[in-house]
PDB file of N, CA and C in Angstrom:
ATOM      1  N   MET A   1       0.826  -1.178   0.000  1.00  0.00           N
ATOM      2  CA  MET A   1       0.000   0.000   0.000  1.00  0.00           C
ATOM      3  C   MET A   1       0.873   1.244   0.000  1.00  0.00           C
ATOM      4  N   ALA A   2       0.548   2.192  -0.812  1.00  0.00           N
ATOM      5  CA  ALA A   2       1.266   3.455  -0.812  1.00  0.00           C
ATOM      6  C   ALA A   2       0.936   4.206   0.477  1.00  0.00           C
ATOM      7  N   ASN A   3       1.830   5.068   0.910  1.00  0.00           N
ATOM      8  CA  ASN A   3       1.627   5.888   2.098  1.00  0.00           C
ATOM      9  C   ASN A   3       1.547   5.087   3.388  1.00  0.00           C
ATOM     10  N   ARG A   4       2.100   3.892   3.416  1.00  0.00           N
ATOM     11  CA  ARG A   4       2.107   3.106   4.646  1.00  0.00           C
ATOM     12  C   ARG A   4       3.502   2.542   4.855  1.00  0.00           C
ATOM     13  N   ILE A   5       3.925   2.538   6.065  1.00  0.00           N
ATOM     14  CA  ILE A   5       5.204   1.968   6.438  1.00  0.00           C
ATOM     15  C   ILE A   5       4.907   0.722   7.270  1.00  0.00           C
ATOM     16  N   THR A   6       5.537  -0.392   6.928  1.00  0.00           N
ATOM     17  CA  THR A   6       5.321  -1.629   7.658  1.00  0.00           C
ATOM     18  C   THR A   6       6.408  -1.799   8.705  1.00  0.00           C
ATOM     19  N   VAL A   7       5.995  -2.147   9.897  1.00  0.00           N
ATOM     20  CA  VAL A   7       6.911  -2.368  11.010  1.00  0.00           C
ATOM     21  C   VAL A   7       6.687  -3.783  11.508  1.00  0.00           C
ATOM     22  N   ASN A   8       7.771  -4.497  11.790  1.00  0.00           N
ATOM     23  CA  ASN A   8       7.653  -5.867  12.275  1.00  0.00           C
ATOM     24  C   ASN A   8       7.994  -5.887  13.757  1.00  0.00           C
ATOM     25  N   ILE A   9       7.057  -6.363  14.555  1.00  0.00           N
ATOM     26  CA  ILE A   9       7.287  -6.490  15.990  1.00  0.00           C
ATOM     27  C   ILE A   9       6.792  -7.853  16.436  1.00  0.00           C
ATOM     28  N   CYS A  10       7.617  -8.557  17.146  1.00  0.00           N
ATOM     29  CA  CYS A  10       7.248  -9.880  17.659  1.00  0.00           C
ATOM     30  C   CYS A  10       6.711 -10.775  16.548  1.00  0.00           C
ATOM     31  N   GLY A  11       7.267 -10.667  15.350  1.00  0.00           N
ATOM     32  CA  GLY A  11       6.857 -11.518  14.250  1.00  0.00           C
ATOM     33  C   GLY A  11       5.591 -11.081  13.551  1.00  0.00           C
ATOM     34  N   GLU A  12       5.005  -9.961  13.965  1.00  0.00           N
ATOM     35  CA  GLU A  12       3.766  -9.482  13.355  1.00  0.00           C
ATOM     36  C   GLU A  12       4.020  -8.162  12.633  1.00  0.00           C
ATOM     37  N   ASP A  13       3.353  -7.970  11.509  1.00  0.00           N
ATOM     38  CA  ASP A  13       3.470  -6.711  10.776  1.00  0.00           C
ATOM     39  C   ASP A  13       2.306  -5.798  11.124  1.00  0.00           C
ATOM     40  N   TYR A  14       2.616  -4.554  11.391  1.00  0.00           N
ATOM     41  CA  TYR A  14       1.578  -3.540  11.544  1.00  0.00           C
ATOM     42  C   TYR A  14       2.087  -2.271  10.895  1.00  0.00           C
ATOM     43  N   THR A  15       1.191  -1.356  10.569  1.00  0.00           N
ATOM     44  CA  THR A  15       1.589  -0.214   9.762  1.00  0.00           C
ATOM     45  C   THR A  15       1.285   1.116  10.429  1.00  0.00           C
ATOM     46  N   LEU A  16       2.192   2.041  10.224  1.00  0.00           N
ATOM     47  CA  LEU A  16       1.952   3.431  10.561  1.00  0.00           C
ATOM     48  C   LEU A  16       1.419   4.095   9.307  1.00  0.00           C
ATOM     49  N   VAL A  17       0.355   4.877   9.428  1.00  0.00           N
ATOM     50  CA  VAL A  17      -0.115   5.616   8.262  1.00  0.00           C
ATOM     51  C   VAL A  17       0.890   6.728   7.980  1.00  0.00           C
ATOM     52  N   ALA A  18       0.827   7.300   6.803  1.00  0.00           N
ATOM     53  CA  ALA A  18       1.835   8.270   6.367  1.00  0.00           C
ATOM     54  C   ALA A  18       2.013   9.421   7.356  1.00  0.00           C
ATOM     55  N   GLU A  19       0.907   9.951   7.851  1.00  0.00           N
ATOM     56  CA  GLU A  19       0.997  11.079   8.780  1.00  0.00           C
ATOM     57  C   GLU A  19       1.690  10.669  10.080  1.00  0.00           C
ATOM     58  N   GLU A  20       1.366   9.477  10.569  1.00  0.00           N
ATOM     59  CA  GLU A  20       2.024   8.972  11.775  1.00  0.00           C
ATOM     60  C   GLU A  20       3.506   8.760  11.514  1.00  0.00           C
ATOM     61  N   ASN A  21       3.820   8.180  10.386  1.00  0.00           N
ATOM     62  CA  ASN A  21       5.212   7.909  10.065  1.00  0.00           C
ATOM     63  C   ASN A  21       6.032   9.192   9.973  1.00  0.00           C
ATOM     64  N   THR A  22       5.471  10.211   9.355  1.00  0.00           N
ATOM     65  CA  THR A  22       6.168  11.492   9.233  1.00  0.00           C
ATOM     66  C   THR A  22       6.442  12.087  10.605  1.00  0.00           C
ATOM     67  N   ALA A  23       5.422  12.105  11.441  1.00  0.00           N
ATOM     68  CA  ALA A  23       5.568  12.667  12.783  1.00  0.00           C
ATOM     69  C   ALA A  23       6.516  11.821  13.623  1.00  0.00           C
ATOM     70  N   TYR A  24       6.357  10.509  13.549  1.00  0.00           N
ATOM     71  CA  TYR A  24       7.209   9.586  14.298  1.00  0.00           C
ATOM     72  C   TYR A  24       8.671   9.780  13.907  1.00  0.00           C
ATOM     73  N   SER A  25       8.933   9.808  12.616  1.00  0.00           N
ATOM     74  CA  SER A  25      10.315   9.954  12.130  1.00  0.00           C
ATOM     75  C   SER A  25      10.927  11.274  12.569  1.00  0.00           C
ATOM     76  N   ALA A  26      10.143  12.342  12.527  1.00  0.00           N
ATOM     77  CA  ALA A  26      10.646  13.653  12.925  1.00  0.00           C
ATOM     78  C   ALA A  26      11.082  13.655  14.384  1.00  0.00           C
ATOM     79  N   ILE A  27      10.371  12.928  15.211  1.00  0.00           N
ATOM     80  CA  ILE A  27      10.704  12.861  16.634  1.00  0.00           C
ATOM     81  C   ILE A  27      11.786  11.820  16.891  1.00  0.00           C
ATOM     82  N   TYR A  28      11.593  10.615  16.368  1.00  0.00           N
ATOM     83  CA  TYR A  28      12.436   9.495  16.772  1.00  0.00           C
ATOM     84  C   TYR A  28      13.849   9.552  16.206  1.00  0.00           C
ATOM     85  N   ASN A  29      14.052  10.187  15.085  1.00  0.00           N
ATOM     86  CA  ASN A  29      15.409  10.270  14.532  1.00  0.00           C
ATOM     87  C   ASN A  29      16.367  10.909  15.531  1.00  0.00           C
ATOM     88  N   ASP A  30      15.928  11.992  16.173  1.00  0.00           N
ATOM     89  CA  ASP A  30      16.772  12.655  17.170  1.00  0.00           C
ATOM     90  C   ASP A  30      16.945  11.783  18.414  1.00  0.00           C
ATOM     91  N   ILE A  31      15.873  11.124  18.834  1.00  0.00           N
ATOM     92  CA  ILE A  31      15.949  10.244  19.997  1.00  0.00           C
ATOM     93  C   ILE A  31      16.931   9.110  19.730  1.00  0.00           C
ATOM     94  N   ASP A  32      16.828   8.508  18.564  1.00  0.00           N
ATOM     95  CA  ASP A  32      17.704   7.397  18.202  1.00  0.00           C
ATOM     96  C   ASP A  32      19.167   7.823  18.205  1.00  0.00           C
ATOM     97  N   THR A  33      19.444   8.994  17.674  1.00  0.00           N
ATOM     98  CA  THR A  33      20.815   9.512  17.668  1.00  0.00           C
ATOM     99  C   THR A  33      21.311   9.728  19.094  1.00  0.00           C
ATOM    100  N   TYR A  34      20.471  10.312  19.931  1.00  0.00           N
ATOM    101  CA  TYR A  34      20.848  10.552  21.329  1.00  0.00           C
ATOM    102  C   TYR A  34      21.111   9.233  22.053  1.00  0.00           C
ATOM    103  N   ILE A  35      20.221   8.264  21.869  1.00  0.00           N
ATOM    104  CA  ILE A  35      20.402   6.962  22.528  1.00  0.00           C
ATOM    105  C   ILE A  35      21.701   6.304  22.070  1.00  0.00           C
ATOM    106  N   ALA A  36      21.964   6.335  20.773  1.00  0.00           N
ATOM    107  CA  ALA A  36      23.193   5.724  20.248  1.00  0.00           C
ATOM    108  C   ALA A  36      24.431   6.406  20.822  1.00  0.00           C
ATOM    109  N   THR A  37      24.408   7.724  20.878  1.00  0.00           N
ATOM    110  CA  THR A  37      25.541   8.480  21.410  1.00  0.00           C
ATOM    111  C   THR A  37      25.761   8.176  22.886  1.00  0.00           C
ATOM    112  N   MET A  38      24.681   8.184  23.646  1.00  0.00           N
ATOM    113  CA  MET A  38      24.807   7.937  25.085  1.00  0.00           C
ATOM    114  C   MET A  38      25.167   6.484  25.382  1.00  0.00           C
ATOM    115  N   THR A  39      24.698   5.559  24.567  1.00  0.00           N
ATOM    116  CA  THR A  39      25.046   4.152  24.765  1.00  0.00           C
ATOM    117  C   THR A  39      26.558   3.970  24.656  1.00  0.00           C
ATOM    118  N   VAL A  40      27.137   4.568  23.637  1.00  0.00           N
ATOM    119  CA  VAL A  40      28.595   4.493  23.485  1.00  0.00           C
ATOM    120  C   VAL A  40      29.285   5.164  24.669  1.00  0.00           C
ATOM    121  N   SER A  41      28.784   6.295  25.086  1.00  0.00           N
ATOM    122  CA  SER A  41      29.379   7.005  26.232  1.00  0.00           C
ATOM    123  C   SER A  41      29.297   6.164  27.503  1.00  0.00           C
ATOM    124  N   PHE A  42      28.168   5.527  27.725  1.00  0.00           N
ATOM    125  CA  PHE A  42      28.028   4.666  28.893  1.00  0.00           C
ATOM    126  C   PHE A  42      28.966   3.463  28.800  1.00  0.00           C
ATOM    127  N   MET A  43      29.049   2.883  27.628  1.00  0.00           N
ATOM    128  CA  MET A  43      29.881   1.684  27.450  1.00  0.00           C
ATOM    129  C   MET A  43      31.364   1.982  27.575  1.00  0.00           C
ATOM    130  N   THR A  44      31.786   3.126  27.112  1.00  0.00           N
ATOM    131  CA  THR A  44      33.209   3.465  27.154  1.00  0.00           C
ATOM    132  C   THR A  44      33.613   4.126  28.465  1.00  0.00           C
ATOM    133  N   GLY A  45      32.629   4.455  29.281  1.00  0.00           N
ATOM    134  CA  GLY A  45      32.929   5.081  30.559  1.00  0.00           C
ATOM    135  C   GLY A  45      33.089   6.581  30.506  1.00  0.00           C
ATOM    136  N   SER A  46      32.887   7.187  29.340  1.00  0.00           N
ATOM    137  CA  SER A  46      32.993   8.641  29.276  1.00  0.00           C
ATOM    138  C   SER A  46      31.777   9.318  29.905  1.00  0.00           C
ATOM    139  N   ALA A  47      30.727   8.543  30.151  1.00  0.00           N
ATOM    140  CA  ALA A  47      29.573   9.009  30.916  1.00  0.00           C
ATOM    141  C   ALA A  47      29.292   7.953  31.983  1.00  0.00           C
ATOM    142  N   ASP A  48      28.996   8.413  33.178  1.00  0.00           N
ATOM    143  CA  ASP A  48      28.730   7.511  34.298  1.00  0.00           C
ATOM    144  C   ASP A  48      27.251   7.140  34.283  1.00  0.00           C
ATOM    145  N   ILE A  49      26.949   5.893  33.965  1.00  0.00           N
ATOM    146  CA  ILE A  49      25.562   5.458  33.829  1.00  0.00           C
ATOM    147  C   ILE A  49      24.789   5.609  35.136  1.00  0.00           C
ATOM    148  N   ASP A  50      25.439   5.345  36.257  1.00  0.00           N
ATOM    149  CA  ASP A  50      24.754   5.476  37.541  1.00  0.00           C
ATOM    150  C   ASP A  50      24.415   6.930  37.853  1.00  0.00           C
ATOM    151  N   ALA A  51      25.337   7.812  37.594  1.00  0.00           N
ATOM    152  CA  ALA A  51      25.128   9.221  37.900  1.00  0.00           C
ATOM    153  C   ALA A  51      24.238   9.923  36.879  1.00  0.00           C
ATOM    154  N   GLN A  52      24.238   9.435  35.635  1.00  0.00           N
ATOM    155  CA  GLN A  52      23.541  10.154  34.569  1.00  0.00           C
ATOM    156  C   GLN A  52      22.280   9.463  34.066  1.00  0.00           C
ATOM    157  N   TRP A  53      21.921   8.329  34.645  1.00  0.00           N
ATOM    158  CA  TRP A  53      20.765   7.580  34.129  1.00  0.00           C
ATOM    159  C   TRP A  53      19.482   8.392  34.192  1.00  0.00           C
ATOM    160  N   ASP A  54      19.201   9.013  35.316  1.00  0.00           N
ATOM    161  CA  ASP A  54      17.961   9.779  35.435  1.00  0.00           C
ATOM    162  C   ASP A  54      17.913  10.926  34.422  1.00  0.00           C
ATOM    163  N   ALA A  55      19.033  11.580  34.194  1.00  0.00           N
ATOM    164  CA  ALA A  55      19.094  12.655  33.199  1.00  0.00           C
ATOM    165  C   ALA A  55      18.893  12.097  31.791  1.00  0.00           C
ATOM    166  N   PHE A  56      19.452  10.926  31.538  1.00  0.00           N
ATOM    167  CA  PHE A  56      19.282  10.255  30.245  1.00  0.00           C
ATOM    168  C   PHE A  56      17.803   9.985  29.977  1.00  0.00           C
ATOM    169  N   VAL A  57      17.127   9.403  30.956  1.00  0.00           N
ATOM    170  CA  VAL A  57      15.698   9.100  30.806  1.00  0.00           C
ATOM    171  C   VAL A  57      14.890  10.392  30.653  1.00  0.00           C
ATOM    172  N   SER A  58      15.190  11.384  31.465  1.00  0.00           N
ATOM    173  CA  SER A  58      14.473  12.665  31.391  1.00  0.00           C
ATOM    174  C   SER A  58      14.655  13.340  30.034  1.00  0.00           C
ATOM    175  N   THR A  59      15.850  13.237  29.492  1.00  0.00           N
ATOM    176  CA  THR A  59      16.112  13.837  28.181  1.00  0.00           C
ATOM    177  C   THR A  59      15.257  13.165  27.112  1.00  0.00           C
ATOM    178  N   ILE A  60      15.210  11.841  27.145  1.00  0.00           N
ATOM    179  CA  ILE A  60      14.394  11.111  26.170  1.00  0.00           C
ATOM    180  C   ILE A  60      12.919  11.464  26.332  1.00  0.00           C
ATOM    181  N   GLU A  61      12.468  11.566  27.558  1.00  0.00           N
ATOM    182  CA  GLU A  61      11.076  11.979  27.798  1.00  0.00           C
ATOM    183  C   GLU A  61      10.846  13.385  27.271  1.00  0.00           C
ATOM    184  N   GLY A  62      11.806  14.274  27.487  1.00  0.00           N
ATOM    185  CA  GLY A  62      11.710  15.643  27.000  1.00  0.00           C
ATOM    186  C   GLY A  62      11.745  15.755  25.485  1.00  0.00           C
ATOM    187  N   MET A  63      12.287  14.726  24.836  1.00  0.00           N
ATOM    188  CA  MET A  63      12.330  14.699  23.368  1.00  0.00           C
ATOM    189  C   MET A  63      11.020  14.149  22.795  1.00  0.00           C
ATOM    190  N   ASN A  64      10.064  13.851  23.656  1.00  0.00           N
ATOM    191  CA  ASN A  64       8.708  13.438  23.287  1.00  0.00           C
ATOM    192  C   ASN A  64       8.591  11.979  22.862  1.00  0.00           C
ATOM    193  N   ILE A  65       9.271  11.107  23.585  1.00  0.00           N
ATOM    194  CA  ILE A  65       9.136   9.680  23.313  1.00  0.00           C
ATOM    195  C   ILE A  65       7.695   9.228  23.497  1.00  0.00           C
ATOM    196  N   ALA A  66       6.941   9.918  24.346  1.00  0.00           N
ATOM    197  CA  ALA A  66       5.536   9.542  24.577  1.00  0.00           C
ATOM    198  C   ALA A  66       4.725   9.594  23.278  1.00  0.00           C
ATOM    199  N   ALA A  67       5.000  10.559  22.433  1.00  0.00           N
ATOM    200  CA  ALA A  67       4.290  10.643  21.150  1.00  0.00           C
ATOM    201  C   ALA A  67       4.644   9.454  20.265  1.00  0.00           C
ATOM    202  N   CYS A  68       5.910   9.065  20.263  1.00  0.00           N
ATOM    203  CA  CYS A  68       6.333   7.904  19.466  1.00  0.00           C
ATOM    204  C   CYS A  68       5.613   6.644  19.938  1.00  0.00           C
ATOM    205  N   ILE A  69       5.499   6.496  21.236  1.00  0.00           N
ATOM    206  CA  ILE A  69       4.794   5.334  21.788  1.00  0.00           C
ATOM    207  C   ILE A  69       3.331   5.364  21.370  1.00  0.00           C
ATOM    208  N   GLU A  70       2.711   6.532  21.394  1.00  0.00           N
ATOM    209  CA  GLU A  70       1.310   6.656  20.977  1.00  0.00           C
ATOM    210  C   GLU A  70       1.125   6.261  19.508  1.00  0.00           C
ATOM    211  N   TYR A  71       2.022   6.692  18.634  1.00  0.00           N
ATOM    212  CA  TYR A  71       1.919   6.326  17.215  1.00  0.00           C
ATOM    213  C   TYR A  71       2.041   4.816  17.031  1.00  0.00           C
ATOM    214  N   LYS A  72       3.014   4.220  17.708  1.00  0.00           N
ATOM    215  CA  LYS A  72       3.198   2.765  17.595  1.00  0.00           C
ATOM    216  C   LYS A  72       1.996   2.021  18.179  1.00  0.00           C
ATOM    217  N   GLN A  73       1.473   2.514  19.302  1.00  0.00           N
ATOM    218  CA  GLN A  73       0.321   1.862  19.919  1.00  0.00           C
ATOM    219  C   GLN A  73      -0.896   1.938  19.014  1.00  0.00           C
ATOM    220  N   ALA A  74      -1.112   3.073  18.373  1.00  0.00           N
ATOM    221  CA  ALA A  74      -2.248   3.225  17.458  1.00  0.00           C
ATOM    222  C   ALA A  74      -2.134   2.244  16.295  1.00  0.00           C
ATOM    223  N   ALA A  75      -0.940   2.093  15.766  1.00  0.00           N
ATOM    224  CA  ALA A  75      -0.732   1.151  14.661  1.00  0.00           C
ATOM    225  C   ALA A  75      -0.969  -0.280  15.125  1.00  0.00           C
ATOM    226  N   TYR A  76      -0.482  -0.605  16.308  1.00  0.00           N
ATOM    227  CA  TYR A  76      -0.679  -1.952  16.846  1.00  0.00           C
ATOM    228  C   TYR A  76      -2.158  -2.215  17.123  1.00  0.00           C
ATOM    229  N   ASP A  77      -2.863  -1.225  17.657  1.00  0.00           N
ATOM    230  CA  ASP A  77      -4.291  -1.371  17.919  1.00  0.00           C
ATOM    231  C   ASP A  77      -5.063  -1.632  16.627  1.00  0.00           C
ATOM    232  N   ARG A  78      -4.699  -0.897  15.563  1.00  0.00           N
ATOM    233  CA  ARG A  78      -5.354  -1.139  14.256  1.00  0.00           C
ATOM    234  C   ARG A  78      -5.087  -2.558  13.784  1.00  0.00           C
ATOM    235  N   TYR A  79      -3.873  -3.005  13.981  1.00  0.00           N
ATOM    236  CA  TYR A  79      -3.522  -4.375  13.591  1.00  0.00           C
ATOM    237  C   TYR A  79      -4.373  -5.388  14.348  1.00  0.00           C
ATOM    238  N   GLN A  80      -4.532  -5.173  15.631  1.00  0.00           N
ATOM    239  CA  GLN A  80      -5.309  -6.096  16.460  1.00  0.00           C
ATOM    240  C   GLN A  80      -6.794  -6.116  16.102  1.00  0.00           C
ATOM    241  N   GLN A  81      -7.293  -5.030  15.518  1.00  0.00           N
ATOM    242  CA  GLN A  81      -8.703  -4.942  15.152  1.00  0.00           C
ATOM    243  C   GLN A  81      -9.023  -5.637  13.837  1.00  0.00           C
ATOM    244  N   ARG A  82      -8.014  -6.127  13.138  1.00  0.00           N
ATOM    245  CA  ARG A  82      -8.266  -6.802  11.861  1.00  0.00           C
ATOM    246  C   ARG A  82      -9.005  -8.091  12.068  1.00  0.00           C
TER     247      ARG A  82
END
């Protein structure tokens, strides 16, 4: 289908509609970059995971991860209604 992105989770395919995908991508691209950067920092010891964990989580929340979860949940709910 045009204008749909397929996502595979737990062996099942569900789709984000185009508007959800656009919004999701705009938010999650930055979150993904931040997570990747901080993961390396935590692993290499350049960031102290114990001291910075709460700030790490707060930053991700501040980047609007809740909206990303809502988009994924809506797509999963549509899948379940089939």
